Full PDB file with SEQRES, HELIX, SHEET, SSBOND, CRYST1, ORIGX, SCALE, CONECT and MASTER records, all heavy atoms in Angstrom:
SEQRES   1 A   40  LEU VAL LEU ALA VAL ILE ALA TYR ALA THR LEU ASP SER          
SEQRES   2 A   40  ASP PRO VAL GLY ALA ASP ASN LEU PRO PRO ILE PRO HIS          
SEQRES   3 A   40  ILE ASP LYS LEU ILE HIS ALA ILE MET PHE GLY GLY LEU          
SEQRES   4 A   40  PHE                                                          
HELIX    1 AA1 VAL A    2  LEU A   11  1                                  10    
HELIX    2 AA2 ALA A   18  ASN A   20  5                                   3    
HELIX    3 AA3 ILE A   27  LEU A   39  1                                  13    
CRYST1    1.000    1.000    1.000  90.00  90.00  90.00 P 1           1          
ORIGX1      1.000000  0.000000  0.000000        0.00000                         
ORIGX2      0.000000  1.000000  0.000000        0.00000                         
ORIGX3      0.000000  0.000000  1.000000        0.00000                         
SCALE1      1.000000  0.000000  0.000000        0.00000                         
SCALE2      0.000000  1.000000  0.000000        0.00000                         
SCALE3      0.000000  0.000000  1.000000        0.00000                         
ATOM      1  N   LEU A   1       0.808  -1.167  -0.050  1.00  0.00           N  
ATOM      2  CA  LEU A   1      -0.074  -0.135   0.071  1.00  0.00           C  
ATOM      3  C   LEU A   1       0.880   1.271   0.007  1.00  0.00           C  
ATOM      4  O   LEU A   1       0.614   2.209  -0.837  1.00  0.00           O  
ATOM      5  CB  LEU A   1      -0.897  -0.016   1.160  1.00  0.00           C  
ATOM      6  CG  LEU A   1      -1.864   1.163   1.354  1.00  0.00           C  
ATOM      7  CD1 LEU A   1      -2.861   1.251   0.139  1.00  0.00           C  
ATOM      8  CD2 LEU A   1      -2.628   1.106   2.633  1.00  0.00           C  
ATOM      9  N   VAL A   2       1.874   1.275   0.880  1.00  0.00           N  
ATOM     10  CA  VAL A   2       2.806   2.350   0.807  1.00  0.00           C  
ATOM     11  C   VAL A   2       3.552   2.656  -0.435  1.00  0.00           C  
ATOM     12  O   VAL A   2       3.599   3.667  -0.959  1.00  0.00           O  
ATOM     13  CB  VAL A   2       3.821   2.344   1.920  1.00  0.00           C  
ATOM     14  CG1 VAL A   2       4.916   3.405   1.920  1.00  0.00           C  
ATOM     15  CG2 VAL A   2       3.206   2.340   3.307  1.00  0.00           C  
ATOM     16  N   LEU A   3       3.925   1.484  -1.175  1.00  0.00           N  
ATOM     17  CA  LEU A   3       4.570   1.570  -2.404  1.00  0.00           C  
ATOM     18  C   LEU A   3       3.656   2.177  -3.501  1.00  0.00           C  
ATOM     19  O   LEU A   3       4.004   3.002  -4.271  1.00  0.00           O  
ATOM     20  CB  LEU A   3       5.089   0.233  -2.766  1.00  0.00           C  
ATOM     21  CG  LEU A   3       6.404  -0.196  -2.289  1.00  0.00           C  
ATOM     22  CD1 LEU A   3       6.613  -1.669  -2.548  1.00  0.00           C  
ATOM     23  CD2 LEU A   3       7.559   0.619  -2.732  1.00  0.00           C  
ATOM     24  N   ALA A   4       2.242   1.738  -3.449  1.00  0.00           N  
ATOM     25  CA  ALA A   4       1.337   2.273  -4.355  1.00  0.00           C  
ATOM     26  C   ALA A   4       1.238   3.727  -4.174  1.00  0.00           C  
ATOM     27  O   ALA A   4       1.107   4.516  -5.147  1.00  0.00           O  
ATOM     28  CB  ALA A   4       0.008   1.495  -4.161  1.00  0.00           C  
ATOM     29  N   VAL A   5       0.984   4.193  -2.928  1.00  0.00           N  
ATOM     30  CA  VAL A   5       0.851   5.618  -2.711  1.00  0.00           C  
ATOM     31  C   VAL A   5       2.072   6.435  -3.104  1.00  0.00           C  
ATOM     32  O   VAL A   5       1.931   7.513  -3.840  1.00  0.00           O  
ATOM     33  CB  VAL A   5       0.635   5.825  -1.132  1.00  0.00           C  
ATOM     34  CG1 VAL A   5       0.655   7.300  -0.782  1.00  0.00           C  
ATOM     35  CG2 VAL A   5      -0.731   5.334  -0.693  1.00  0.00           C  
ATOM     36  N   ILE A   6       3.268   5.918  -2.837  1.00  0.00           N  
ATOM     37  CA  ILE A   6       4.504   6.665  -3.327  1.00  0.00           C  
ATOM     38  C   ILE A   6       4.526   6.668  -4.819  1.00  0.00           C  
ATOM     39  O   ILE A   6       4.854   7.668  -5.425  1.00  0.00           O  
ATOM     40  CB  ILE A   6       5.854   5.909  -2.747  1.00  0.00           C  
ATOM     41  CG1 ILE A   6       5.937   6.092  -1.306  1.00  0.00           C  
ATOM     42  CG2 ILE A   6       6.983   6.305  -3.535  1.00  0.00           C  
ATOM     43  CD1 ILE A   6       7.101   5.334  -0.679  1.00  0.00           C  
ATOM     44  N   ALA A   7       4.320   5.541  -5.552  1.00  0.00           N  
ATOM     45  CA  ALA A   7       4.180   5.571  -6.914  1.00  0.00           C  
ATOM     46  C   ALA A   7       3.203   6.601  -7.532  1.00  0.00           C  
ATOM     47  O   ALA A   7       3.500   7.305  -8.475  1.00  0.00           O  
ATOM     48  CB  ALA A   7       3.875   4.114  -7.528  1.00  0.00           C  
ATOM     49  N   TYR A   8       1.923   6.600  -7.026  1.00  0.00           N  
ATOM     50  CA  TYR A   8       1.081   7.591  -7.419  1.00  0.00           C  
ATOM     51  C   TYR A   8       1.403   8.964  -7.109  1.00  0.00           C  
ATOM     52  O   TYR A   8       1.389   9.922  -8.052  1.00  0.00           O  
ATOM     53  CB  TYR A   8      -0.333   7.296  -6.697  1.00  0.00           C  
ATOM     54  CG  TYR A   8      -1.311   8.389  -7.008  1.00  0.00           C  
ATOM     55  CD1 TYR A   8      -1.896   8.463  -8.401  1.00  0.00           C  
ATOM     56  CD2 TYR A   8      -1.673   9.262  -6.184  1.00  0.00           C  
ATOM     57  CE1 TYR A   8      -2.872   9.504  -8.689  1.00  0.00           C  
ATOM     58  CE2 TYR A   8      -2.621  10.329  -6.508  1.00  0.00           C  
ATOM     59  CZ  TYR A   8      -3.168  10.396  -7.755  1.00  0.00           C  
ATOM     60  OH  TYR A   8      -4.053  11.424  -7.983  1.00  0.00           O  
ATOM     61  N   ALA A   9       1.972   9.230  -5.919  1.00  0.00           N  
ATOM     62  CA  ALA A   9       2.298  10.639  -5.476  1.00  0.00           C  
ATOM     63  C   ALA A   9       3.586  11.210  -6.323  1.00  0.00           C  
ATOM     64  O   ALA A   9       3.642  12.449  -6.512  1.00  0.00           O  
ATOM     65  CB  ALA A   9       2.640  10.636  -3.959  1.00  0.00           C  
ATOM     66  N   THR A  10       4.393  10.282  -6.680  1.00  0.00           N  
ATOM     67  CA  THR A  10       5.614  10.694  -7.221  1.00  0.00           C  
ATOM     68  C   THR A  10       5.562  10.603  -8.868  1.00  0.00           C  
ATOM     69  O   THR A  10       6.243  11.326  -9.622  1.00  0.00           O  
ATOM     70  CB  THR A  10       6.897  10.079  -6.754  1.00  0.00           C  
ATOM     71  OG1 THR A  10       6.754   8.563  -6.971  1.00  0.00           O  
ATOM     72  CG2 THR A  10       7.055  10.347  -5.247  1.00  0.00           C  
ATOM     73  N   LEU A  11       4.858   9.765  -9.423  1.00  0.00           N  
ATOM     74  CA  LEU A  11       4.870   9.487 -10.870  1.00  0.00           C  
ATOM     75  C   LEU A  11       3.680  10.163 -11.677  1.00  0.00           C  
ATOM     76  O   LEU A  11       3.716  10.460 -12.775  1.00  0.00           O  
ATOM     77  CB  LEU A  11       4.975   8.098 -11.109  1.00  0.00           C  
ATOM     78  CG  LEU A  11       6.288   7.355 -10.617  1.00  0.00           C  
ATOM     79  CD1 LEU A  11       6.152   5.882 -10.941  1.00  0.00           C  
ATOM     80  CD2 LEU A  11       7.456   7.964 -11.215  1.00  0.00           C  
ATOM     81  N   ASP A  12       2.556  10.482 -10.802  1.00  0.00           N  
ATOM     82  CA  ASP A  12       1.479  11.208 -11.581  1.00  0.00           C  
ATOM     83  C   ASP A  12       1.888  12.531 -11.832  1.00  0.00           C  
ATOM     84  O   ASP A  12       2.717  13.171 -11.064  1.00  0.00           O  
ATOM     85  CB  ASP A  12       0.344  11.217 -10.550  1.00  0.00           C  
ATOM     86  CG  ASP A  12      -1.060  11.815 -11.189  1.00  0.00           C  
ATOM     87  OD1 ASP A  12      -1.566  11.022 -11.963  1.00  0.00           O  
ATOM     88  OD2 ASP A  12      -1.226  12.940 -11.038  1.00  0.00           O  
ATOM     89  N   SER A  13       1.411  13.154 -12.943  1.00  0.00           N  
ATOM     90  CA  SER A  13       1.818  14.559 -13.248  1.00  0.00           C  
ATOM     91  C   SER A  13       1.614  15.568 -12.267  1.00  0.00           C  
ATOM     92  O   SER A  13       2.202  16.506 -12.028  1.00  0.00           O  
ATOM     93  CB  SER A  13       1.371  14.792 -14.707  1.00  0.00           C  
ATOM     94  OG  SER A  13      -0.123  14.915 -14.567  1.00  0.00           O  
ATOM     95  N   ASP A  14       0.479  15.479 -11.489  1.00  0.00           N  
ATOM     96  CA  ASP A  14       0.021  16.455 -10.547  1.00  0.00           C  
ATOM     97  C   ASP A  14      -0.994  15.766  -9.497  1.00  0.00           C  
ATOM     98  O   ASP A  14      -2.186  15.984  -9.617  1.00  0.00           O  
ATOM     99  CB  ASP A  14      -0.635  17.680 -11.173  1.00  0.00           C  
ATOM    100  CG  ASP A  14      -0.832  18.848 -10.237  1.00  0.00           C  
ATOM    101  OD1 ASP A  14      -0.190  18.831  -9.180  1.00  0.00           O  
ATOM    102  OD2 ASP A  14      -1.590  19.663 -10.665  1.00  0.00           O  
ATOM    103  N   PRO A  15      -0.443  14.901  -8.653  1.00  0.00           N  
ATOM    104  CA  PRO A  15      -1.397  14.050  -7.830  1.00  0.00           C  
ATOM    105  C   PRO A  15      -2.391  14.829  -6.935  1.00  0.00           C  
ATOM    106  O   PRO A  15      -3.449  14.325  -6.636  1.00  0.00           O  
ATOM    107  CB  PRO A  15      -0.403  13.240  -6.967  1.00  0.00           C  
ATOM    108  CG  PRO A  15       0.869  13.988  -6.987  1.00  0.00           C  
ATOM    109  CD  PRO A  15       0.869  14.758  -8.335  1.00  0.00           C  
ATOM    110  N   VAL A  16      -1.898  15.938  -6.379  1.00  0.00           N  
ATOM    111  CA  VAL A  16      -2.791  16.691  -5.403  1.00  0.00           C  
ATOM    112  C   VAL A  16      -3.102  18.084  -5.981  1.00  0.00           C  
ATOM    113  O   VAL A  16      -3.794  18.779  -5.287  1.00  0.00           O  
ATOM    114  CB  VAL A  16      -2.159  16.825  -4.010  1.00  0.00           C  
ATOM    115  CG1 VAL A  16      -2.222  15.560  -3.350  1.00  0.00           C  
ATOM    116  CG2 VAL A  16      -0.851  17.557  -4.000  1.00  0.00           C  
ATOM    117  N   GLY A  17      -2.566  18.488  -7.036  1.00  0.00           N  
ATOM    118  CA  GLY A  17      -2.685  19.840  -7.531  1.00  0.00           C  
ATOM    119  C   GLY A  17      -1.723  20.785  -6.839  1.00  0.00           C  
ATOM    120  O   GLY A  17      -1.800  20.862  -5.639  1.00  0.00           O  
ATOM    121  N   ALA A  18      -0.757  21.347  -7.585  1.00  0.00           N  
ATOM    122  CA  ALA A  18       0.290  22.067  -7.027  1.00  0.00           C  
ATOM    123  C   ALA A  18      -0.330  23.324  -6.259  1.00  0.00           C  
ATOM    124  O   ALA A  18       0.269  23.808  -5.174  1.00  0.00           O  
ATOM    125  CB  ALA A  18       1.231  22.626  -8.193  1.00  0.00           C  
ATOM    126  N   ASP A  19      -1.495  23.794  -6.604  1.00  0.00           N  
ATOM    127  CA  ASP A  19      -2.138  24.841  -5.842  1.00  0.00           C  
ATOM    128  C   ASP A  19      -2.670  24.401  -4.551  1.00  0.00           C  
ATOM    129  O   ASP A  19      -3.047  25.275  -3.775  1.00  0.00           O  
ATOM    130  CB  ASP A  19      -3.227  25.518  -6.669  1.00  0.00           C  
ATOM    131  CG  ASP A  19      -2.651  26.134  -7.931  1.00  0.00           C  
ATOM    132  OD1 ASP A  19      -1.509  26.556  -7.891  1.00  0.00           O  
ATOM    133  OD2 ASP A  19      -3.371  26.288  -8.928  1.00  0.00           O  
ATOM    134  N   ASN A  20      -2.811  23.095  -4.406  1.00  0.00           N  
ATOM    135  CA  ASN A  20      -3.411  22.558  -3.019  1.00  0.00           C  
ATOM    136  C   ASN A  20      -2.381  22.369  -1.965  1.00  0.00           C  
ATOM    137  O   ASN A  20      -2.758  22.187  -0.839  1.00  0.00           O  
ATOM    138  CB  ASN A  20      -4.145  21.290  -3.366  1.00  0.00           C  
ATOM    139  CG  ASN A  20      -5.398  21.496  -4.179  1.00  0.00           C  
ATOM    140  OD1 ASN A  20      -5.909  22.519  -4.212  1.00  0.00           O  
ATOM    141  ND2 ASN A  20      -5.724  20.440  -4.898  1.00  0.00           N  
ATOM    142  N   LEU A  21      -1.100  22.477  -2.320  1.00  0.00           N  
ATOM    143  CA  LEU A  21      -0.091  22.306  -1.231  1.00  0.00           C  
ATOM    144  C   LEU A  21       0.092  23.536  -0.488  1.00  0.00           C  
ATOM    145  O   LEU A  21       0.007  24.724  -1.037  1.00  0.00           O  
ATOM    146  CB  LEU A  21       1.334  21.998  -1.992  1.00  0.00           C  
ATOM    147  CG  LEU A  21       1.582  20.633  -2.479  1.00  0.00           C  
ATOM    148  CD1 LEU A  21       2.887  20.438  -3.285  1.00  0.00           C  
ATOM    149  CD2 LEU A  21       1.404  19.575  -1.400  1.00  0.00           C  
ATOM    150  N   PRO A  22       0.231  23.452   0.811  1.00  0.00           N  
ATOM    151  CA  PRO A  22       0.390  24.738   1.578  1.00  0.00           C  
ATOM    152  C   PRO A  22       1.711  25.381   1.258  1.00  0.00           C  
ATOM    153  O   PRO A  22       2.635  24.742   0.776  1.00  0.00           O  
ATOM    154  CB  PRO A  22       0.539  24.145   3.064  1.00  0.00           C  
ATOM    155  CG  PRO A  22       0.222  22.759   2.953  1.00  0.00           C  
ATOM    156  CD  PRO A  22       0.150  22.247   1.689  1.00  0.00           C  
ATOM    157  N   PRO A  23       1.654  26.701   1.330  1.00  0.00           N  
ATOM    158  CA  PRO A  23       2.802  27.521   0.922  1.00  0.00           C  
ATOM    159  C   PRO A  23       4.002  27.274   1.966  1.00  0.00           C  
ATOM    160  O   PRO A  23       4.469  28.495   2.478  1.00  0.00           O  
ATOM    161  CB  PRO A  23       2.252  28.944   0.677  1.00  0.00           C  
ATOM    162  CG  PRO A  23       1.117  28.980   1.705  1.00  0.00           C  
ATOM    163  CD  PRO A  23       0.621  27.644   1.774  1.00  0.00           C  
ATOM    164  N   ILE A  24       4.441  26.296   2.167  1.00  0.00           N  
ATOM    165  CA  ILE A  24       5.557  26.014   3.158  1.00  0.00           C  
ATOM    166  C   ILE A  24       6.692  25.828   2.331  1.00  0.00           C  
ATOM    167  O   ILE A  24       6.812  24.857   1.352  1.00  0.00           O  
ATOM    168  CB  ILE A  24       5.243  24.794   4.016  1.00  0.00           C  
ATOM    169  CG1 ILE A  24       3.985  25.122   4.836  1.00  0.00           C  
ATOM    170  CG2 ILE A  24       6.461  24.565   4.963  1.00  0.00           C  
ATOM    171  CD1 ILE A  24       3.506  23.899   5.677  1.00  0.00           C  
ATOM    172  N   PRO A  25       7.819  26.488   2.547  1.00  0.00           N  
ATOM    173  CA  PRO A  25       9.101  26.291   1.722  1.00  0.00           C  
ATOM    174  C   PRO A  25       9.613  24.776   1.902  1.00  0.00           C  
ATOM    175  O   PRO A  25       9.624  24.274   2.942  1.00  0.00           O  
ATOM    176  CB  PRO A  25      10.071  27.301   2.300  1.00  0.00           C  
ATOM    177  CG  PRO A  25       9.280  28.222   3.062  1.00  0.00           C  
ATOM    178  CD  PRO A  25       8.031  27.597   3.511  1.00  0.00           C  
ATOM    179  N   HIS A  26       9.795  24.214   0.713  1.00  0.00           N  
ATOM    180  CA  HIS A  26      10.388  22.860   0.695  1.00  0.00           C  
ATOM    181  C   HIS A  26       9.406  21.744   1.221  1.00  0.00           C  
ATOM    182  O   HIS A  26       9.939  20.773   1.639  1.00  0.00           O  
ATOM    183  CB  HIS A  26      11.841  22.780   1.434  1.00  0.00           C  
ATOM    184  CG  HIS A  26      12.814  23.818   0.907  1.00  0.00           C  
ATOM    185  ND1 HIS A  26      13.202  23.912  -0.447  1.00  0.00           N  
ATOM    186  CD2 HIS A  26      13.210  24.936   1.599  1.00  0.00           C  
ATOM    187  CE1 HIS A  26      14.031  24.988  -0.493  1.00  0.00           C  
ATOM    188  NE2 HIS A  26      14.042  25.603   0.694  1.00  0.00           N  
ATOM    189  N   ILE A  27       8.216  22.099   1.178  1.00  0.00           N  
ATOM    190  CA  ILE A  27       7.235  21.059   1.646  1.00  0.00           C  
ATOM    191  C   ILE A  27       7.415  19.711   0.835  1.00  0.00           C  
ATOM    192  O   ILE A  27       7.137  18.606   1.389  1.00  0.00           O  
ATOM    193  CB  ILE A  27       5.821  21.528   1.723  1.00  0.00           C  
ATOM    194  CG1 ILE A  27       4.970  20.523   2.508  1.00  0.00           C  
ATOM    195  CG2 ILE A  27       5.345  21.704   0.214  1.00  0.00           C  
ATOM    196  CD1 ILE A  27       3.697  21.034   2.992  1.00  0.00           C  
ATOM    197  N   ASP A  28       7.765  19.850  -0.360  1.00  0.00           N  
ATOM    198  CA  ASP A  28       7.995  18.572  -1.159  1.00  0.00           C  
ATOM    199  C   ASP A  28       9.036  17.685  -0.554  1.00  0.00           C  
ATOM    200  O   ASP A  28       9.029  16.469  -0.590  1.00  0.00           O  
ATOM    201  CB  ASP A  28       8.235  18.846  -2.569  1.00  0.00           C  
ATOM    202  CG  ASP A  28       9.439  19.720  -2.870  1.00  0.00           C  
ATOM    203  OD1 ASP A  28       9.729  20.634  -2.048  1.00  0.00           O  
ATOM    204  OD2 ASP A  28      10.317  19.283  -3.864  1.00  0.00           O  
ATOM    205  N   LYS A  29      10.104  18.274  -0.012  1.00  0.00           N  
ATOM    206  CA  LYS A  29      11.193  17.597   0.597  1.00  0.00           C  
ATOM    207  C   LYS A  29      10.648  16.901   1.827  1.00  0.00           C  
ATOM    208  O   LYS A  29      10.996  15.717   2.194  1.00  0.00           O  
ATOM    209  CB  LYS A  29      12.379  18.458   0.947  1.00  0.00           C  
ATOM    210  CG  LYS A  29      13.046  19.242  -0.240  1.00  0.00           C  
ATOM    211  CD  LYS A  29      13.261  18.253  -1.510  1.00  0.00           C  
ATOM    212  CE  LYS A  29      13.937  19.118  -2.515  1.00  0.00           C  
ATOM    213  NZ  LYS A  29      12.960  19.016  -3.792  1.00  0.00           N  
ATOM    214  N   LEU A  30       9.895  17.614   2.573  1.00  0.00           N  
ATOM    215  CA  LEU A  30       9.255  17.011   3.783  1.00  0.00           C  
ATOM    216  C   LEU A  30       8.456  15.831   3.463  1.00  0.00           C  
ATOM    217  O   LEU A  30       8.372  14.762   4.067  1.00  0.00           O  
ATOM    218  CB  LEU A  30       8.531  17.984   4.566  1.00  0.00           C  
ATOM    219  CG  LEU A  30       7.835  17.433   5.902  1.00  0.00           C  
ATOM    220  CD1 LEU A  30       8.728  17.006   6.878  1.00  0.00           C  
ATOM    221  CD2 LEU A  30       6.921  18.591   6.506  1.00  0.00           C  
ATOM    222  N   ILE A  31       7.521  16.043   2.328  1.00  0.00           N  
ATOM    223  CA  ILE A  31       6.680  14.793   1.864  1.00  0.00           C  
ATOM    224  C   ILE A  31       7.599  13.682   1.431  1.00  0.00           C  
ATOM    225  O   ILE A  31       7.277  12.513   1.824  1.00  0.00           O  
ATOM    226  CB  ILE A  31       5.854  15.410   0.814  1.00  0.00           C  
ATOM    227  CG1 ILE A  31       4.853  16.434   1.410  1.00  0.00           C  
ATOM    228  CG2 ILE A  31       5.159  14.185   0.184  1.00  0.00           C  
ATOM    229  CD1 ILE A  31       4.046  17.125   0.393  1.00  0.00           C  
ATOM    230  N   HIS A  32       8.736  13.913   0.790  1.00  0.00           N  
ATOM    231  CA  HIS A  32       9.505  12.705   0.504  1.00  0.00           C  
ATOM    232  C   HIS A  32      10.113  12.041   1.738  1.00  0.00           C  
ATOM    233  O   HIS A  32      10.173  10.791   1.721  1.00  0.00           O  
ATOM    234  CB  HIS A  32      10.678  13.222  -0.520  1.00  0.00           C  
ATOM    235  CG  HIS A  32      10.430  13.225  -1.914  1.00  0.00           C  
ATOM    236  ND1 HIS A  32      10.695  12.138  -2.612  1.00  0.00           N  
ATOM    237  CD2 HIS A  32       9.794  14.143  -2.739  1.00  0.00           C  
ATOM    238  CE1 HIS A  32      10.420  12.308  -3.998  1.00  0.00           C  
ATOM    239  NE2 HIS A  32       9.797  13.453  -3.895  1.00  0.00           N  
ATOM    240  N   ALA A  33      10.520  12.822   2.636  1.00  0.00           N  
ATOM    241  CA  ALA A  33      11.108  12.258   3.846  1.00  0.00           C  
ATOM    242  C   ALA A  33      10.076  11.305   4.494  1.00  0.00           C  
ATOM    243  O   ALA A  33      10.338  10.241   4.955  1.00  0.00           O  
ATOM    244  CB  ALA A  33      11.620  13.297   4.765  1.00  0.00           C  
ATOM    245  N   ILE A  34       8.736  11.850   4.607  1.00  0.00           N  
ATOM    246  CA  ILE A  34       7.716  11.039   5.302  1.00  0.00           C  
ATOM    247  C   ILE A  34       7.353   9.863   4.480  1.00  0.00           C  
ATOM    248  O   ILE A  34       7.200   8.650   5.022  1.00  0.00           O  
ATOM    249  CB  ILE A  34       6.512  12.076   5.364  1.00  0.00           C  
ATOM    250  CG1 ILE A  34       6.870  13.043   6.556  1.00  0.00           C  
ATOM    251  CG2 ILE A  34       5.216  11.251   5.757  1.00  0.00           C  
ATOM    252  CD1 ILE A  34       5.730  14.266   6.601  1.00  0.00           C  
ATOM    253  N   MET A  35       7.310  10.043   3.158  1.00  0.00           N  
ATOM    254  CA  MET A  35       6.992   8.856   2.412  1.00  0.00           C  
ATOM    255  C   MET A  35       8.014   7.723   2.450  1.00  0.00           C  
ATOM    256  O   MET A  35       7.709   6.555   2.665  1.00  0.00           O  
ATOM    257  CB  MET A  35       6.866   9.213   0.847  1.00  0.00           C  
ATOM    258  CG  MET A  35       5.639   9.998   0.477  1.00  0.00           C  
ATOM    259  SD  MET A  35       5.434  10.263  -1.217  1.00  0.00           S  
ATOM    260  CE  MET A  35       6.847  10.920  -1.825  1.00  0.00           C  
ATOM    261  N   PHE A  36       9.326   8.053   2.409  1.00  0.00           N  
ATOM    262  CA  PHE A  36      10.237   6.937   2.356  1.00  0.00           C  
ATOM    263  C   PHE A  36      10.650   6.567   3.755  1.00  0.00           C  
ATOM    264  O   PHE A  36      11.017   5.320   3.897  1.00  0.00           O  
ATOM    265  CB  PHE A  36      11.535   7.421   1.568  1.00  0.00           C  
ATOM    266  CG  PHE A  36      11.220   7.214   0.124  1.00  0.00           C  
ATOM    267  CD1 PHE A  36      10.566   8.361  -0.639  1.00  0.00           C  
ATOM    268  CD2 PHE A  36      11.414   6.128  -0.630  1.00  0.00           C  
ATOM    269  CE1 PHE A  36      10.349   8.257  -1.927  1.00  0.00           C  
ATOM    270  CE2 PHE A  36      11.161   6.043  -1.945  1.00  0.00           C  
ATOM    271  CZ  PHE A  36      10.563   6.990  -2.726  1.00  0.00           C  
ATOM    272  N   GLY A  37      10.466   7.361   4.737  1.00  0.00           N  
ATOM    273  CA  GLY A  37      10.506   6.822   6.230  1.00  0.00           C  
ATOM    274  C   GLY A  37       9.258   5.880   6.425  1.00  0.00           C  
ATOM    275  O   GLY A  37       9.454   4.863   7.049  1.00  0.00           O  
ATOM    276  N   GLY A  38       8.178   6.255   5.803  1.00  0.00           N  
ATOM    277  CA  GLY A  38       7.004   5.364   5.860  1.00  0.00           C  
ATOM    278  C   GLY A  38       7.204   3.992   5.197  1.00  0.00           C  
ATOM    279  O   GLY A  38       6.877   2.978   5.613  1.00  0.00           O  
ATOM    280  N   LEU A  39       7.929   3.982   4.052  1.00  0.00           N  
ATOM    281  CA  LEU A  39       8.335   2.760   3.447  1.00  0.00           C  
ATOM    282  C   LEU A  39       9.175   1.783   4.241  1.00  0.00           C  
ATOM    283  O   LEU A  39       8.816   0.667   4.495  1.00  0.00           O  
ATOM    284  CB  LEU A  39       8.949   3.100   2.005  1.00  0.00           C  
ATOM    285  CG  LEU A  39       9.350   1.721   1.211  1.00  0.00           C  
ATOM    286  CD1 LEU A  39       8.228   0.794   0.955  1.00  0.00           C  
ATOM    287  CD2 LEU A  39      10.084   2.241   0.009  1.00  0.00           C  
ATOM    288  N   PHE A  40      10.199   2.498   4.845  1.00  0.00           N  
ATOM    289  CA  PHE A  40      11.081   1.789   5.625  1.00  0.00           C  
ATOM    290  C   PHE A  40      10.223   1.195   6.871  1.00  0.00           C  
ATOM    291  O   PHE A  40      10.438  -0.006   7.252  1.00  0.00           O  
ATOM    292  CB  PHE A  40      12.170   2.640   6.180  1.00  0.00           C  
ATOM    293  CG  PHE A  40      12.995   1.969   7.298  1.00  0.00           C  
ATOM    294  CD1 PHE A  40      14.064   1.129   6.975  1.00  0.00           C  
ATOM    295  CD2 PHE A  40      12.709   2.089   8.543  1.00  0.00           C  
ATOM    296  CE1 PHE A  40      14.754   0.533   7.931  1.00  0.00           C  
ATOM    297  CE2 PHE A  40      13.395   1.608   9.650  1.00  0.00           C  
ATOM    298  CZ  PHE A  40      14.464   0.676   9.312  1.00  0.00           C  
TER     299      PHE A  40                                                      
MASTER        0    0    0    3    0    0    0    6  298    1    0    4          
END                                                                             
């Protein structure tokens, strides 16, 4: 399930809509850390 979510979130062209992300600097890096910490 985690692998499927990662694949969708990272390979889809715009999985949540860029405008829907909070305006937090580098939030994409935080999301990456959470996803791959979640995989482990």
